[in-house]
C-alpha atoms as a PDB file:
ATOM      1  CA  UNK A   1       0.000   0.000   0.000  1.00  0.00           C
ATOM      2  CA  UNK A   2       2.786   2.422   0.908  1.00  0.00           C
ATOM      3  CA  UNK A   3       4.345   2.150  -2.547  1.00  0.00           C
ATOM      4  CA  UNK A   4       1.046   2.757  -4.322  1.00  0.00           C
ATOM      5  CA  UNK A   5       0.267   5.863  -2.258  1.00  0.00           C
ATOM      6  CA  UNK A   6       3.630   7.576  -2.542  1.00  0.00           C
ATOM      7  CA  UNK A   7       5.254   6.451  -5.798  1.00  0.00           C
ATOM      8  CA  UNK A   8       4.700   9.916  -7.313  1.00  0.00           C
ATOM      9  CA  UNK A   9       6.924  11.551  -4.711  1.00  0.00           C
ATOM     10  CA  UNK A  10      10.160  12.994  -6.083  1.00  0.00           C
ATOM     11  CA  UNK A  11      12.244  10.485  -4.113  1.00  0.00           C
ATOM     12  CA  UNK A  12      14.253   7.432  -5.040  1.00  0.00           C
ATOM     13  CA  UNK A  13      13.114   4.155  -3.483  1.00  0.00           C
ATOM     14  CA  UNK A  14      15.910   4.425  -0.907  1.00  0.00           C
ATOM     15  CA  UNK A  15      15.034   8.033  -0.060  1.00  0.00           C
ATOM     16  CA  UNK A  16      11.375   7.153   0.352  1.00  0.00           C
ATOM     17  CA  UNK A  17      12.367   4.431   2.783  1.00  0.00           C
ATOM     18  CA  UNK A  18      14.422   6.916   4.816  1.00  0.00           C
ATOM     19  CA  UNK A  19      11.348   9.145   5.134  1.00  0.00           C
ATOM     20  CA  UNK A  20       9.140   6.196   6.032  1.00  0.00           C
ATOM     21  CA  UNK A  21      11.492   4.928   8.746  1.00  0.00           C
ATOM     22  CA  UNK A  22      12.340   8.327  10.267  1.00  0.00           C
ATOM     23  CA  UNK A  23      10.596   9.432  13.457  1.00  0.00           C
ATOM     24  CA  UNK A  24       9.463  13.053  13.453  1.00  0.00           C
ATOM     25  CA  UNK A  25       8.832  14.827  16.769  1.00  0.00           C
ATOM     26  CA  UNK A  26       6.296  17.619  16.264  1.00  0.00           C
ATOM     27  CA  UNK A  27       5.871  20.273  18.935  1.00  0.00           C
ATOM     28  CA  UNK A  28       2.511  21.984  18.548  1.00  0.00           C
ATOM     29  CA  UNK A  29      -0.334  20.902  16.268  1.00  0.00           C
ATOM     30  CA  UNK A  30      -1.906  24.277  15.652  1.00  0.00           C
ATOM     31  CA  UNK A  31      -1.307  26.716  12.802  1.00  0.00           C
ATOM     32  CA  UNK A  32       2.125  25.621  11.602  1.00  0.00           C
ATOM     33  CA  UNK A  33       2.122  22.190  13.253  1.00  0.00           C
ATOM     34  CA  UNK A  34      -0.929  20.896  11.411  1.00  0.00           C
ATOM     35  CA  UNK A  35       0.663  21.733   8.068  1.00  0.00           C
ATOM     36  CA  UNK A  36       3.953  20.160   9.158  1.00  0.00           C
ATOM     37  CA  UNK A  37       2.092  16.939   9.874  1.00  0.00           C
ATOM     38  CA  UNK A  38       0.072  16.999   6.655  1.00  0.00           C
ATOM     39  CA  UNK A  39       3.125  17.495   4.466  1.00  0.00           C
ATOM     40  CA  UNK A  40       5.137  14.808   6.216  1.00  0.00           C
ATOM     41  CA  UNK A  41       2.235  12.376   5.869  1.00  0.00           C
ATOM     42  CA  UNK A  42       1.924  13.134   2.153  1.00  0.00           C
ATOM     43  CA  UNK A  43       5.684  12.591   1.758  1.00  0.00           C
ATOM     44  CA  UNK A  44       5.260   9.116   3.228  1.00  0.00           C
ATOM     45  CA  UNK A  45       6.326   9.578   6.852  1.00  0.00           C
ATOM     46  CA  UNK A  46       4.790   6.995   9.182  1.00  0.00           C
ATOM     47  CA  UNK A  47       6.368   7.528  12.606  1.00  0.00           C
ATOM     48  CA  UNK A  48       5.606  10.486  14.831  1.00  0.00           C
ATOM     49  CA  UNK A  49       5.846  11.771  18.382  1.00  0.00           C
ATOM     50  CA  UNK A  50       3.437  14.698  18.794  1.00  0.00           C
ATOM     51  CA  UNK A  51       3.183  17.225  21.620  1.00  0.00           C
ATOM     52  CA  UNK A  52       0.209  19.460  22.376  1.00  0.00           C
ATOM     53  CA  UNK A  53      -1.853  19.990  25.520  1.00  0.00           C
ATOM     54  CA  UNK A  54      -4.657  21.983  23.891  1.00  0.00           C
ATOM     55  CA  UNK A  55      -8.089  21.356  22.379  1.00  0.00           C
ATOM     56  CA  UNK A  56      -9.534  22.800  19.193  1.00  0.00           C
ATOM     57  CA  UNK A  57     -11.666  25.926  19.533  1.00  0.00           C
ATOM     58  CA  UNK A  58     -13.614  28.058  17.057  1.00  0.00           C
ATOM     59  CA  UNK A  59     -10.841  30.666  17.222  1.00  0.00           C
ATOM     60  CA  UNK A  60      -8.492  28.123  15.586  1.00  0.00           C
ATOM     61  CA  UNK A  61     -10.554  27.793  12.403  1.00  0.00           C
ATOM     62  CA  UNK A  62      -8.960  30.700  10.542  1.00  0.00           C
ATOM     63  CA  UNK A  63      -5.537  29.032  10.238  1.00  0.00           C
ATOM     64  CA  UNK A  64      -5.332  25.491  11.634  1.00  0.00           C
ATOM     65  CA  UNK A  65      -5.627  22.579   9.219  1.00  0.00           C
ATOM     66  CA  UNK A  66      -6.853  20.093  11.813  1.00  0.00           C
ATOM     67  CA  UNK A  67      -9.555  22.429  13.156  1.00  0.00           C
ATOM     68  CA  UNK A  68     -12.918  21.281  11.767  1.00  0.00           C
ATOM     69  CA  UNK A  69     -16.437  21.046  13.120  1.00  0.00           C
ATOM     70  CA  UNK A  70     -15.913  17.345  13.731  1.00  0.00           C
ATOM     71  CA  UNK A  71     -12.719  18.007  15.734  1.00  0.00           C
ATOM     72  CA  UNK A  72     -14.146  20.905  17.760  1.00  0.00           C
ATOM     73  CA  UNK A  73     -13.247  20.434  21.459  1.00  0.00           C
ATOM     74  CA  UNK A  74     -11.081  17.402  20.598  1.00  0.00           C
ATOM     75  CA  UNK A  75      -7.599  17.121  21.992  1.00  0.00           C
ATOM     76  CA  UNK A  76      -5.317  18.264  19.188  1.00  0.00           C
ATOM     77  CA  UNK A  77      -3.202  15.128  19.503  1.00  0.00           C
ATOM     78  CA  UNK A  78      -6.281  12.898  19.076  1.00  0.00           C
ATOM     79  CA  UNK A  79      -7.404  14.878  16.030  1.00  0.00           C
ATOM     80  CA  UNK A  80      -3.906  14.545  14.564  1.00  0.00           C
ATOM     81  CA  UNK A  81      -3.962  10.783  14.990  1.00  0.00           C
ATOM     82  CA  UNK A  82      -7.389  10.513  13.364  1.00  0.00           C
ATOM     83  CA  UNK A  83      -6.262  12.634  10.406  1.00  0.00           C
ATOM     84  CA  UNK A  84      -3.035  10.665  10.001  1.00  0.00           C
ATOM     85  CA  UNK A  85      -4.845   7.322   9.942  1.00  0.00           C
ATOM     86  CA  UNK A  86      -7.277   8.573   7.306  1.00  0.00           C
ATOM     87  CA  UNK A  87      -4.295   9.194   5.053  1.00  0.00           C
ATOM     88  CA  UNK A  88      -2.143   6.205   6.013  1.00  0.00           C
ATOM     89  CA  UNK A  89      -3.441   3.466   8.343  1.00  0.00           C
ATOM     90  CA  UNK A  90       0.145   2.293   8.921  1.00  0.00           C
ATOM     91  CA  UNK A  91       1.026   5.477  10.835  1.00  0.00           C
ATOM     92  CA  UNK A  92       2.423   5.033  14.349  1.00  0.00           C
ATOM     93  CA  UNK A  93       1.985   8.077  16.530  1.00  0.00           C
ATOM     94  CA  UNK A  94       2.882   8.601  20.181  1.00  0.00           C
ATOM     95  CA  UNK A  95       0.597  11.232  21.738  1.00  0.00           C
ATOM     96  CA  UNK A  96       2.052  13.526  24.393  1.00  0.00           C
ATOM     97  CA  UNK A  97       0.934  16.622  26.299  1.00  0.00           C
ATOM     98  CA  UNK A  98       2.698  19.969  26.274  1.00  0.00           C
ATOM     99  CA  UNK A  99       6.433  20.025  25.609  1.00  0.00           C
ATOM    100  CA  UNK A 100       8.815  21.049  28.378  1.00  0.00           C
ATOM    101  CA  UNK A 101      12.363  20.610  29.687  1.00  0.00           C
ATOM    102  CA  UNK A 102      11.590  17.097  30.972  1.00  0.00           C
ATOM    103  CA  UNK A 103       9.956  15.866  27.758  1.00  0.00           C
ATOM    104  CA  UNK A 104      11.448  12.928  25.893  1.00  0.00           C
ATOM    105  CA  UNK A 105      11.887  12.484  22.152  1.00  0.00           C
ATOM    106  CA  UNK A 106      13.678   9.141  22.398  1.00  0.00           C
ATOM    107  CA  UNK A 107      14.231   7.664  18.959  1.00  0.00           C
ATOM    108  CA  UNK A 108      13.364  10.859  17.084  1.00  0.00           C
ATOM    109  CA  UNK A 109      15.245  11.653  13.874  1.00  0.00           C
ATOM    110  CA  UNK A 110      14.334  15.360  13.927  1.00  0.00           C
ATOM    111  CA  UNK A 111      12.390  17.859  16.040  1.00  0.00           C
ATOM    112  CA  UNK A 112      10.025  20.233  14.232  1.00  0.00           C
ATOM    113  CA  UNK A 113       8.907  23.120  16.414  1.00  0.00           C
ATOM    114  CA  UNK A 114       5.519  24.682  15.697  1.00  0.00           C
ATOM    115  CA  UNK A 115       5.023  26.017  19.212  1.00  0.00           C
ATOM    116  CA  UNK A 116       4.416  29.634  20.157  1.00  0.00           C
ATOM    117  CA  UNK A 117       6.172  29.298  23.500  1.00  0.00           C
ATOM    118  CA  UNK A 118       9.735  30.556  23.852  1.00  0.00           C
ATOM    119  CA  UNK A 119      10.497  28.304  26.821  1.00  0.00           C
ATOM    120  CA  UNK A 120       9.401  25.271  24.807  1.00  0.00           C
ATOM    121  CA  UNK A 121      11.550  26.399  21.884  1.00  0.00           C
ATOM    122  CA  UNK A 122      14.601  26.733  24.117  1.00  0.00           C
ATOM    123  CA  UNK A 123      14.017  23.314  25.658  1.00  0.00           C
ATOM    124  CA  UNK A 124      13.483  21.708  22.247  1.00  0.00           C
ATOM    125  CA  UNK A 125      16.594  23.270  20.725  1.00  0.00           C
ATOM    126  CA  UNK A 126      18.697  22.151  23.716  1.00  0.00           C
ATOM    127  CA  UNK A 127      17.334  18.622  23.523  1.00  0.00           C
ATOM    128  CA  UNK A 128      17.979  18.409  19.784  1.00  0.00           C
ATOM    129  CA  UNK A 129      21.537  19.607  20.325  1.00  0.00           C
ATOM    130  CA  UNK A 130      22.091  17.049  23.073  1.00  0.00           C
ATOM    131  CA  UNK A 131      20.814  14.243  20.844  1.00  0.00           C
ATOM    132  CA  UNK A 132      22.592  15.615  17.764  1.00  0.00           C
ATOM    133  CA  UNK A 133      19.468  15.666  15.661  1.00  0.00           C
ATOM    134  CA  UNK A 134      18.077  18.547  13.555  1.00  0.00           C
ATOM    135  CA  UNK A 135      15.949  21.175  15.284  1.00  0.00           C
ATOM    136  CA  UNK A 136      13.646  22.806  12.750  1.00  0.00           C
ATOM    137  CA  UNK A 137      12.537  26.274  13.835  1.00  0.00           C
ATOM    138  CA  UNK A 138       9.304  27.514  12.325  1.00  0.00           C
ATOM    139  CA  UNK A 139       7.259  30.630  13.054  1.00  0.00           C
ATOM    140  CA  UNK A 140       4.342  32.555  11.570  1.00  0.00           C
ATOM    141  CA  UNK A 141       2.864  35.898  12.594  1.00  0.00           C
ATOM    142  CA  UNK A 142       0.404  37.955  10.609  1.00  0.00           C
ATOM    143  CA  UNK A 143       1.387  37.488   6.957  1.00  0.00           C
ATOM    144  CA  UNK A 144       5.023  36.704   7.718  1.00  0.00           C
ATOM    145  CA  UNK A 145       7.068  33.684   8.716  1.00  0.00           C
ATOM    146  CA  UNK A 146      10.534  32.225   9.127  1.00  0.00           C
ATOM    147  CA  UNK A 147      12.149  28.776   8.936  1.00  0.00           C
ATOM    148  CA  UNK A 148      15.643  27.545   9.764  1.00  0.00           C
ATOM    149  CA  UNK A 149      17.309  24.249  10.659  1.00  0.00           C
ATOM    150  CA  UNK A 150      19.637  24.242  13.658  1.00  0.00           C
ATOM    151  CA  UNK A 151      22.512  21.778  13.643  1.00  0.00           C
ATOM    152  CA  UNK A 152      25.030  22.859  16.257  1.00  0.00           C
ATOM    153  CA  UNK A 153      24.199  26.573  16.185  1.00  0.00           C
ATOM    154  CA  UNK A 154      22.807  27.986  19.441  1.00  0.00           C
ATOM    155  CA  UNK A 155      19.171  29.100  19.545  1.00  0.00           C
ATOM    156  CA  UNK A 156      19.877  31.815  22.124  1.00  0.00           C
ATOM    157  CA  UNK A 157      22.770  33.087  20.043  1.00  0.00           C
ATOM    158  CA  UNK A 158      20.651  33.118  16.890  1.00  0.00           C
ATOM    159  CA  UNK A 159      17.975  35.294  18.454  1.00  0.00           C
ATOM    160  CA  UNK A 160      20.364  37.224  20.720  1.00  0.00           C
ATOM    161  CA  UNK A 161      18.577  36.100  23.875  1.00  0.00           C
ATOM    162  CA  UNK A 162      20.093  36.849  27.261  1.00  0.00           C
ATOM    163  CA  UNK A 163      18.721  35.925  30.659  1.00  0.00           C
ATOM    164  CA  UNK A 164      15.225  34.468  30.940  1.00  0.00           C
ATOM    165  CA  UNK A 165      13.084  33.917  27.860  1.00  0.00           C
ATOM    166  CA  UNK A 166      10.825  36.851  26.989  1.00  0.00           C
ATOM    167  CA  UNK A 167       7.064  36.438  27.259  1.00  0.00           C
ATOM    168  CA  UNK A 168       5.328  37.350  24.027  1.00  0.00           C
ATOM    169  CA  UNK A 169       1.642  37.925  23.432  1.00  0.00           C
ATOM    170  CA  UNK A 170      -0.083  35.818  20.822  1.00  0.00           C
ATOM    171  CA  UNK A 171      -0.622  37.646  17.549  1.00  0.00           C
ATOM    172  CA  UNK A 172      -3.067  37.146  14.684  1.00  0.00           C
ATOM    173  CA  UNK A 173      -1.852  34.703  12.022  1.00  0.00           C
ATOM    174  CA  UNK A 174      -3.077  34.408   8.445  1.00  0.00           C
ATOM    175  CA  UNK A 175      -3.649  30.866   7.191  1.00  0.00           C
ATOM    176  CA  UNK A 176      -1.352  31.179   4.132  1.00  0.00           C
ATOM    177  CA  UNK A 177       1.493  32.237   6.434  1.00  0.00           C
ATOM    178  CA  UNK A 178       0.945  29.306   8.807  1.00  0.00           C
ATOM    179  CA  UNK A 179       0.574  26.906   5.871  1.00  0.00           C
ATOM    180  CA  UNK A 180       3.722  28.114   4.134  1.00  0.00           C
ATOM    181  CA  UNK A 181       5.821  28.069   7.313  1.00  0.00           C
ATOM    182  CA  UNK A 182       4.683  24.542   8.193  1.00  0.00           C
ATOM    183  CA  UNK A 183       5.213  23.315   4.644  1.00  0.00           C
ATOM    184  CA  UNK A 184       8.723  24.753   4.474  1.00  0.00           C
ATOM    185  CA  UNK A 185       9.587  23.277   7.871  1.00  0.00           C
ATOM    186  CA  UNK A 186       8.509  19.794   6.765  1.00  0.00           C
ATOM    187  CA  UNK A 187      10.443  20.008   3.505  1.00  0.00           C
ATOM    188  CA  UNK A 188      13.578  21.325   5.216  1.00  0.00           C
ATOM    189  CA  UNK A 189      13.462  18.516   7.791  1.00  0.00           C
ATOM    190  CA  UNK A 190      13.216  15.911   5.034  1.00  0.00           C
ATOM    191  CA  UNK A 191      15.955  17.586   2.989  1.00  0.00           C
ATOM    192  CA  UNK A 192      18.234  17.479   6.020  1.00  0.00           C
ATOM    193  CA  UNK A 193      17.597  13.775   6.653  1.00  0.00           C
ATOM    194  CA  UNK A 194      18.142  12.942   2.968  1.00  0.00           C
ATOM    195  CA  UNK A 195      21.383  14.908   2.717  1.00  0.00           C
ATOM    196  CA  UNK A 196      19.849  17.481   0.390  1.00  0.00           C
ATOM    197  CA  UNK A 197      20.495  21.238   0.664  1.00  0.00           C
ATOM    198  CA  UNK A 198      18.597  22.943   3.489  1.00  0.00           C
ATOM    199  CA  UNK A 199      18.499  26.341   5.199  1.00  0.00           C
ATOM    200  CA  UNK A 200      20.958  25.980   8.058  1.00  0.00           C
ATOM    201  CA  UNK A 201      21.265  28.386  10.997  1.00  0.00           C
ATOM    202  CA  UNK A 202      22.522  31.039  11.262  1.00  0.00           C
ATOM    203  CA  UNK A 203      20.877  31.422   7.851  1.00  0.00           C
ATOM    204  CA  UNK A 204      17.079  31.549   7.819  1.00  0.00           C
ATOM    205  CA  UNK A 205      14.413  31.838   5.155  1.00  0.00           C
ATOM    206  CA  UNK A 206      11.874  34.604   5.739  1.00  0.00           C
ATOM    207  CA  UNK A 207       8.716  35.377   3.812  1.00  0.00           C
ATOM    208  CA  UNK A 208       5.757  37.730   3.679  1.00  0.00           C
ATOM    209  CA  UNK A 209       2.765  36.534   1.666  1.00  0.00           C
ATOM    210  CA  UNK A 210       1.567  40.158   1.340  1.00  0.00           C
ATOM    211  CA  UNK A 211       4.884  41.425   0.003  1.00  0.00           C
ATOM    212  CA  UNK A 212       5.953  41.868  -3.617  1.00  0.00           C
ATOM    213  CA  UNK A 213       9.194  40.155  -2.618  1.00  0.00           C
ATOM    214  CA  UNK A 214       7.743  37.030  -1.004  1.00  0.00           C
ATOM    215  CA  UNK A 215      10.984  35.280   0.060  1.00  0.00           C
ATOM    216  CA  UNK A 216      14.351  36.480   1.297  1.00  0.00           C
ATOM    217  CA  UNK A 217      17.333  35.128   3.246  1.00  0.00           C
ATOM    218  CA  UNK A 218      18.390  36.555   6.589  1.00  0.00           C
ATOM    219  CA  UNK A 219      21.407  35.999   8.825  1.00  0.00           C
ATOM    220  CA  UNK A 220      20.514  35.348  12.452  1.00  0.00           C
ATOM    221  CA  UNK A 221      22.624  36.659  15.343  1.00  0.00           C
END
């Protein structure tokens, strides 16, 4: 079944097997996280560890792929599992609550961060560094977004953070921005695992879906 569903992917048979056997840890299943999951599923990924403590609300409907009337008030992790199995019944998914410093991603091949919590981002980047696996940073705000893959470059250094993590208010997010950020994060994670070119910190890829110049490269701190 796997071969029939994914033979049109632009992968060799060996590359497709790498994607299928990799374990992707996803932090957050909201705006960017839902699109991370969808793209990885469509690329043939079957193994996931997902973190989210929240339930779907009506306020999520403007930008979150997994937010539907049937998933309203569902745990986001449960909705993610249901969606994944509709696409590929062979999916194996470990459901976790919110991500924190004590969370485990044992066996993960990469961490993809779709959270909106700076403390969670710091913990995830540290854990990825300790395990020597890619940490894929992904963010979306308004019409803008940014993606970068960290492999040995410090998250605090990249964003020039000193002392405790700043507390930031949640901002409106447009669906195309969340979708594009999540899609880019998934593709960059797969590129990294396959040995293809990827955007590596301190470089980052920024975009603004309302701008004439949609994409541009930036150098982080």
